[in-house]
Amino acid sequence: MSVLLFCGINLTFNATGFIGRIEVGISEFMLQHFTVMYFYELFRSLRFLKIIIAHISRSFSP
């Protein structure tokens, strides 16, 4: 959702020349930030899945 909004803002700023160049720098930074956050969320959800799987396998074992 926020990525779509960001793309919209990016296009709006690129319509004006000088601000567009500044916006490129900001979007590079935001892209790196989003990538880090994405991998962090992925890591967290994988860890969460591991806990759930361990819990399920424990409840099935006699």
PDB file of N, CA and C in Angstrom:
ATOM      1  N   MET A   1       0.838  -1.201   0.000  1.00  0.00           N
ATOM      2  CA  MET A   1       0.000   0.000   0.000  1.00  0.00           C
ATOM      3  C   MET A   1       0.872   1.251   0.000  1.00  0.00           C
ATOM      4  N   SER A   2       1.809   1.312   0.947  1.00  0.00           N
ATOM      5  CA  SER A   2       2.673   2.491   1.039  1.00  0.00           C
ATOM      6  C   SER A   2       3.598   2.586  -0.174  1.00  0.00           C
ATOM      7  N   VAL A   3       3.943   1.424  -0.760  1.00  0.00           N
ATOM      8  CA  VAL A   3       4.802   1.433  -1.953  1.00  0.00           C
ATOM      9  C   VAL A   3       4.059   2.074  -3.119  1.00  0.00           C
ATOM     10  N   LEU A   4       2.770   1.732  -3.279  1.00  0.00           N
ATOM     11  CA  LEU A   4       1.959   2.322  -4.344  1.00  0.00           C
ATOM     12  C   LEU A   4       1.849   3.830  -4.163  1.00  0.00           C
ATOM     13  N   LEU A   5       1.589   4.246  -2.937  1.00  0.00           N
ATOM     14  CA  LEU A   5       1.480   5.667  -2.620  1.00  0.00           C
ATOM     15  C   LEU A   5       2.793   6.373  -2.947  1.00  0.00           C
ATOM     16  N   PHE A   6       3.894   5.722  -2.605  1.00  0.00           N
ATOM     17  CA  PHE A   6       5.206   6.300  -2.843  1.00  0.00           C
ATOM     18  C   PHE A   6       5.477   6.472  -4.330  1.00  0.00           C
ATOM     19  N   CYS A   7       5.066   5.471  -5.141  1.00  0.00           N
ATOM     20  CA  CYS A   7       5.234   5.570  -6.596  1.00  0.00           C
ATOM     21  C   CYS A   7       4.443   6.759  -7.136  1.00  0.00           C
ATOM     22  N   GLY A   8       3.250   6.967  -6.613  1.00  0.00           N
ATOM     23  CA  GLY A   8       2.439   8.106  -7.031  1.00  0.00           C
ATOM     24  C   GLY A   8       3.124   9.423  -6.713  1.00  0.00           C
ATOM     25  N   ILE A   9       3.676   9.539  -5.525  1.00  0.00           N
ATOM     26  CA  ILE A   9       4.390  10.751  -5.108  1.00  0.00           C
ATOM     27  C   ILE A   9       5.611  10.958  -6.013  1.00  0.00           C
ATOM     28  N   ASN A  10       6.311   9.858  -6.304  1.00  0.00           N
ATOM     29  CA  ASN A  10       7.501   9.911  -7.126  1.00  0.00           C
ATOM     30  C   ASN A  10       7.182  10.461  -8.513  1.00  0.00           C
ATOM     31  N   LEU A  11       6.099   9.979  -9.122  1.00  0.00           N
ATOM     32  CA  LEU A  11       5.698  10.449 -10.451  1.00  0.00           C
ATOM     33  C   LEU A  11       5.329  11.928 -10.407  1.00  0.00           C
ATOM     34  N   THR A  12       4.644  12.335  -9.366  1.00  0.00           N
ATOM     35  CA  THR A  12       4.237  13.733  -9.229  1.00  0.00           C
ATOM     36  C   THR A  12       5.460  14.641  -9.158  1.00  0.00           C
ATOM     37  N   PHE A  13       6.447  14.234  -8.378  1.00  0.00           N
ATOM     38  CA  PHE A  13       7.643  15.056  -8.226  1.00  0.00           C
ATOM     39  C   PHE A  13       8.483  15.067  -9.502  1.00  0.00           C
ATOM     40  N   ASN A  14       8.467  13.966 -10.238  1.00  0.00           N
ATOM     41  CA  ASN A  14       9.275  13.895 -11.448  1.00  0.00           C
ATOM     42  C   ASN A  14       8.739  14.813 -12.544  1.00  0.00           C
ATOM     43  N   ALA A  15       7.482  15.241 -12.432  1.00  0.00           N
ATOM     44  CA  ALA A  15       6.917  16.179 -13.397  1.00  0.00           C
ATOM     45  C   ALA A  15       7.658  17.517 -13.335  1.00  0.00           C
ATOM     46  N   THR A  16       8.132  17.880 -12.150  1.00  0.00           N
ATOM     47  CA  THR A  16       8.939  19.089 -12.023  1.00  0.00           C
ATOM     48  C   THR A  16      10.409  18.682 -12.019  1.00  0.00           C
ATOM     49  N   GLY A  17      11.237  19.401 -12.760  1.00  0.00           N
ATOM     50  CA  GLY A  17      12.604  18.959 -13.029  1.00  0.00           C
ATOM     51  C   GLY A  17      13.513  18.863 -11.821  1.00  0.00           C
ATOM     52  N   PHE A  18      13.732  19.983 -11.135  1.00  0.00           N
ATOM     53  CA  PHE A  18      14.733  20.039 -10.076  1.00  0.00           C
ATOM     54  C   PHE A  18      14.336  19.158  -8.896  1.00  0.00           C
ATOM     55  N   ILE A  19      13.074  19.251  -8.486  1.00  0.00           N
ATOM     56  CA  ILE A  19      12.599  18.453  -7.355  1.00  0.00           C
ATOM     57  C   ILE A  19      12.686  16.972  -7.714  1.00  0.00           C
ATOM     58  N   GLY A  20      12.495  16.666  -9.003  1.00  0.00           N
ATOM     59  CA  GLY A  20      12.590  15.286  -9.472  1.00  0.00           C
ATOM     60  C   GLY A  20      13.953  14.691  -9.177  1.00  0.00           C
ATOM     61  N   ARG A  21      15.015  15.500  -9.376  1.00  0.00           N
ATOM     62  CA  ARG A  21      16.372  14.995  -9.119  1.00  0.00           C
ATOM     63  C   ARG A  21      16.580  14.720  -7.632  1.00  0.00           C
ATOM     64  N   ILE A  22      16.055  15.583  -6.775  1.00  0.00           N
ATOM     65  CA  ILE A  22      16.134  15.354  -5.328  1.00  0.00           C
ATOM     66  C   ILE A  22      15.368  14.082  -4.982  1.00  0.00           C
ATOM     67  N   GLU A  23      14.192  13.926  -5.616  1.00  0.00           N
ATOM     68  CA  GLU A  23      13.312  12.801  -5.337  1.00  0.00           C
ATOM     69  C   GLU A  23      13.980  11.474  -5.693  1.00  0.00           C
ATOM     70  N   VAL A  24      14.818  11.463  -6.717  1.00  0.00           N
ATOM     71  CA  VAL A  24      15.532  10.245  -7.085  1.00  0.00           C
ATOM     72  C   VAL A  24      16.393   9.775  -5.916  1.00  0.00           C
ATOM     73  N   GLY A  25      17.102  10.710  -5.284  1.00  0.00           N
ATOM     74  CA  GLY A  25      17.917  10.368  -4.125  1.00  0.00           C
ATOM     75  C   GLY A  25      17.073   9.814  -2.986  1.00  0.00           C
ATOM     76  N   ILE A  26      15.921  10.458  -2.749  1.00  0.00           N
ATOM     77  CA  ILE A  26      15.037  10.011  -1.679  1.00  0.00           C
ATOM     78  C   ILE A  26      14.502   8.617  -1.990  1.00  0.00           C
ATOM     79  N   SER A  27      14.118   8.388  -3.267  1.00  0.00           N
ATOM     80  CA  SER A  27      13.539   7.095  -3.625  1.00  0.00           C
ATOM     81  C   SER A  27      14.575   5.980  -3.516  1.00  0.00           C
ATOM     82  N   GLU A  28      15.844   6.296  -3.825  1.00  0.00           N
ATOM     83  CA  GLU A  28      16.913   5.303  -3.646  1.00  0.00           C
ATOM     84  C   GLU A  28      16.995   4.898  -2.170  1.00  0.00           C
ATOM     85  N   PHE A  29      16.976   5.897  -1.302  1.00  0.00           N
ATOM     86  CA  PHE A  29      17.045   5.647   0.139  1.00  0.00           C
ATOM     87  C   PHE A  29      15.832   4.848   0.601  1.00  0.00           C
ATOM     88  N   MET A  30      14.637   5.262   0.130  1.00  0.00           N
ATOM     89  CA  MET A  30      13.404   4.588   0.526  1.00  0.00           C
ATOM     90  C   MET A  30      13.412   3.148   0.039  1.00  0.00           C
ATOM     91  N   LEU A  31      13.926   2.923  -1.163  1.00  0.00           N
ATOM     92  CA  LEU A  31      13.976   1.575  -1.723  1.00  0.00           C
ATOM     93  C   LEU A  31      14.839   0.676  -0.848  1.00  0.00           C
ATOM     94  N   GLN A  32      16.006   1.177  -0.441  1.00  0.00           N
ATOM     95  CA  GLN A  32      16.874   0.408   0.446  1.00  0.00           C
ATOM     96  C   GLN A  32      16.174   0.137   1.776  1.00  0.00           C
ATOM     97  N   HIS A  33      15.500   1.158   2.298  1.00  0.00           N
ATOM     98  CA  HIS A  33      14.798   1.023   3.571  1.00  0.00           C
ATOM     99  C   HIS A  33      13.693  -0.018   3.461  1.00  0.00           C
ATOM    100  N   PHE A  34      12.909   0.046   2.369  1.00  0.00           N
ATOM    101  CA  PHE A  34      11.831  -0.910   2.169  1.00  0.00           C
ATOM    102  C   PHE A  34      12.374  -2.324   2.036  1.00  0.00           C
ATOM    103  N   THR A  35      13.517  -2.478   1.352  1.00  0.00           N
ATOM    104  CA  THR A  35      14.110  -3.800   1.177  1.00  0.00           C
ATOM    105  C   THR A  35      14.517  -4.380   2.520  1.00  0.00           C
ATOM    106  N   VAL A  36      15.166  -3.551   3.348  1.00  0.00           N
ATOM    107  CA  VAL A  36      15.575  -4.004   4.677  1.00  0.00           C
ATOM    108  C   VAL A  36      14.359  -4.401   5.504  1.00  0.00           C
ATOM    109  N   MET A  37      13.327  -3.551   5.479  1.00  0.00           N
ATOM    110  CA  MET A  37      12.115  -3.833   6.248  1.00  0.00           C
ATOM    111  C   MET A  37      11.442  -5.107   5.747  1.00  0.00           C
ATOM    112  N   TYR A  38      11.446  -5.287   4.402  1.00  0.00           N
ATOM    113  CA  TYR A  38      10.812  -6.473   3.818  1.00  0.00           C
ATOM    114  C   TYR A  38      11.508  -7.739   4.293  1.00  0.00           C
ATOM    115  N   PHE A  39      12.841  -7.737   4.243  1.00  0.00           N
ATOM    116  CA  PHE A  39      13.589  -8.919   4.665  1.00  0.00           C
ATOM    117  C   PHE A  39      13.445  -9.154   6.171  1.00  0.00           C
ATOM    118  N   TYR A  40      13.357  -8.052   6.921  1.00  0.00           N
ATOM    119  CA  TYR A  40      13.161  -8.165   8.365  1.00  0.00           C
ATOM    120  C   TYR A  40      11.811  -8.806   8.672  1.00  0.00           C
ATOM    121  N   GLU A  41      10.760  -8.338   7.969  1.00  0.00           N
ATOM    122  CA  GLU A  41       9.418  -8.901   8.163  1.00  0.00           C
ATOM    123  C   GLU A  41       9.391 -10.362   7.733  1.00  0.00           C
ATOM    124  N   LEU A  42      10.072 -10.667   6.629  1.00  0.00           N
ATOM    125  CA  LEU A  42      10.137 -12.043   6.133  1.00  0.00           C
ATOM    126  C   LEU A  42      10.808 -12.934   7.180  1.00  0.00           C
ATOM    127  N   PHE A  43      11.910 -12.442   7.732  1.00  0.00           N
ATOM    128  CA  PHE A  43      12.644 -13.194   8.754  1.00  0.00           C
ATOM    129  C   PHE A  43      11.766 -13.432   9.975  1.00  0.00           C
ATOM    130  N   ARG A  44      11.035 -12.367  10.390  1.00  0.00           N
ATOM    131  CA  ARG A  44      10.161 -12.496  11.550  1.00  0.00           C
ATOM    132  C   ARG A  44       9.054 -13.508  11.309  1.00  0.00           C
ATOM    133  N   SER A  45       8.438 -13.458  10.115  1.00  0.00           N
ATOM    134  CA  SER A  45       7.338 -14.374   9.825  1.00  0.00           C
ATOM    135  C   SER A  45       7.845 -15.812   9.711  1.00  0.00           C
ATOM    136  N   LEU A  46       9.068 -15.987   9.188  1.00  0.00           N
ATOM    137  CA  LEU A  46       9.641 -17.333   9.106  1.00  0.00           C
ATOM    138  C   LEU A  46       9.897 -17.884  10.495  1.00  0.00           C
ATOM    139  N   ARG A  47      10.405 -17.037  11.383  1.00  0.00           N
ATOM    140  CA  ARG A  47      10.653 -17.455  12.761  1.00  0.00           C
ATOM    141  C   ARG A  47       9.333 -17.814  13.439  1.00  0.00           C
ATOM    142  N   PHE A  48       8.299 -17.019  13.156  1.00  0.00           N
ATOM    143  CA  PHE A  48       6.972 -17.258  13.703  1.00  0.00           C
ATOM    144  C   PHE A  48       6.433 -18.597  13.200  1.00  0.00           C
ATOM    145  N   LEU A  49       6.632 -18.869  11.896  1.00  0.00           N
ATOM    146  CA  LEU A  49       6.198 -20.144  11.311  1.00  0.00           C
ATOM    147  C   LEU A  49       6.910 -21.314  11.973  1.00  0.00           C
ATOM    148  N   LYS A  50       8.215 -21.150  12.214  1.00  0.00           N
ATOM    149  CA  LYS A  50       8.976 -22.229  12.860  1.00  0.00           C
ATOM    150  C   LYS A  50       8.409 -22.555  14.242  1.00  0.00           C
ATOM    151  N   ILE A  51       8.045 -21.504  14.990  1.00  0.00           N
ATOM    152  CA  ILE A  51       7.469 -21.704  16.323  1.00  0.00           C
ATOM    153  C   ILE A  51       6.141 -22.448  16.220  1.00  0.00           C
ATOM    154  N   ILE A  52       5.313 -22.042  15.245  1.00  0.00           N
ATOM    155  CA  ILE A  52       4.009 -22.692  15.061  1.00  0.00           C
ATOM    156  C   ILE A  52       4.192 -24.159  14.680  1.00  0.00           C
ATOM    157  N   ILE A  53       5.107 -24.429  13.744  1.00  0.00           N
ATOM    158  CA  ILE A  53       5.346 -25.813  13.298  1.00  0.00           C
ATOM    159  C   ILE A  53       5.848 -26.666  14.463  1.00  0.00           C
ATOM    160  N   ALA A  54       6.764 -26.108  15.258  1.00  0.00           N
ATOM    161  CA  ALA A  54       7.273 -26.836  16.423  1.00  0.00           C
ATOM    162  C   ALA A  54       6.139 -27.129  17.402  1.00  0.00           C
ATOM    163  N   HIS A  55       5.258 -26.154  17.592  1.00  0.00           N
ATOM    164  CA  HIS A  55       4.130 -26.331  18.512  1.00  0.00           C
ATOM    165  C   HIS A  55       3.173 -27.411  18.010  1.00  0.00           C
ATOM    166  N   ILE A  56       2.888 -27.386  16.700  1.00  0.00           N
ATOM    167  CA  ILE A  56       1.978 -28.379  16.112  1.00  0.00           C
ATOM    168  C   ILE A  56       2.574 -29.781  16.209  1.00  0.00           C
ATOM    169  N   SER A  57       3.860 -29.907  15.876  1.00  0.00           N
ATOM    170  CA  SER A  57       4.490 -31.226  15.915  1.00  0.00           C
ATOM    171  C   SER A  57       4.568 -31.751  17.353  1.00  0.00           C
ATOM    172  N   ARG A  58       4.722 -30.825  18.318  1.00  0.00           N
ATOM    173  CA  ARG A  58       4.755 -31.229  19.716  1.00  0.00           C
ATOM    174  C   ARG A  58       3.375 -31.739  20.154  1.00  0.00           C
ATOM    175  N   SER A  59       2.323 -31.094  19.682  1.00  0.00           N
ATOM    176  CA  SER A  59       0.978 -31.496  20.090  1.00  0.00           C
ATOM    177  C   SER A  59       0.560 -32.812  19.433  1.00  0.00           C
ATOM    178  N   PHE A  60       1.154 -33.127  18.260  1.00  0.00           N
ATOM    179  CA  PHE A  60       0.818 -34.397  17.603  1.00  0.00           C
ATOM    180  C   PHE A  60       1.606 -35.571  18.173  1.00  0.00           C
ATOM    181  N   SER A  61       2.795 -35.305  18.675  1.00  0.00           N
ATOM    182  CA  SER A  61       3.598 -36.403  19.213  1.00  0.00           C
ATOM    183  C   SER A  61       3.013 -36.891  20.533  1.00  0.00           C
ATOM    184  N   PRO A  62       2.999 -38.202  20.762  1.00  0.00           N
ATOM    185  CA  PRO A  62       2.398 -38.759  21.981  1.00  0.00           C
ATOM    186  C   PRO A  62       3.183 -38.420  23.251  1.00  0.00           C
TER     187      PRO A  62
END
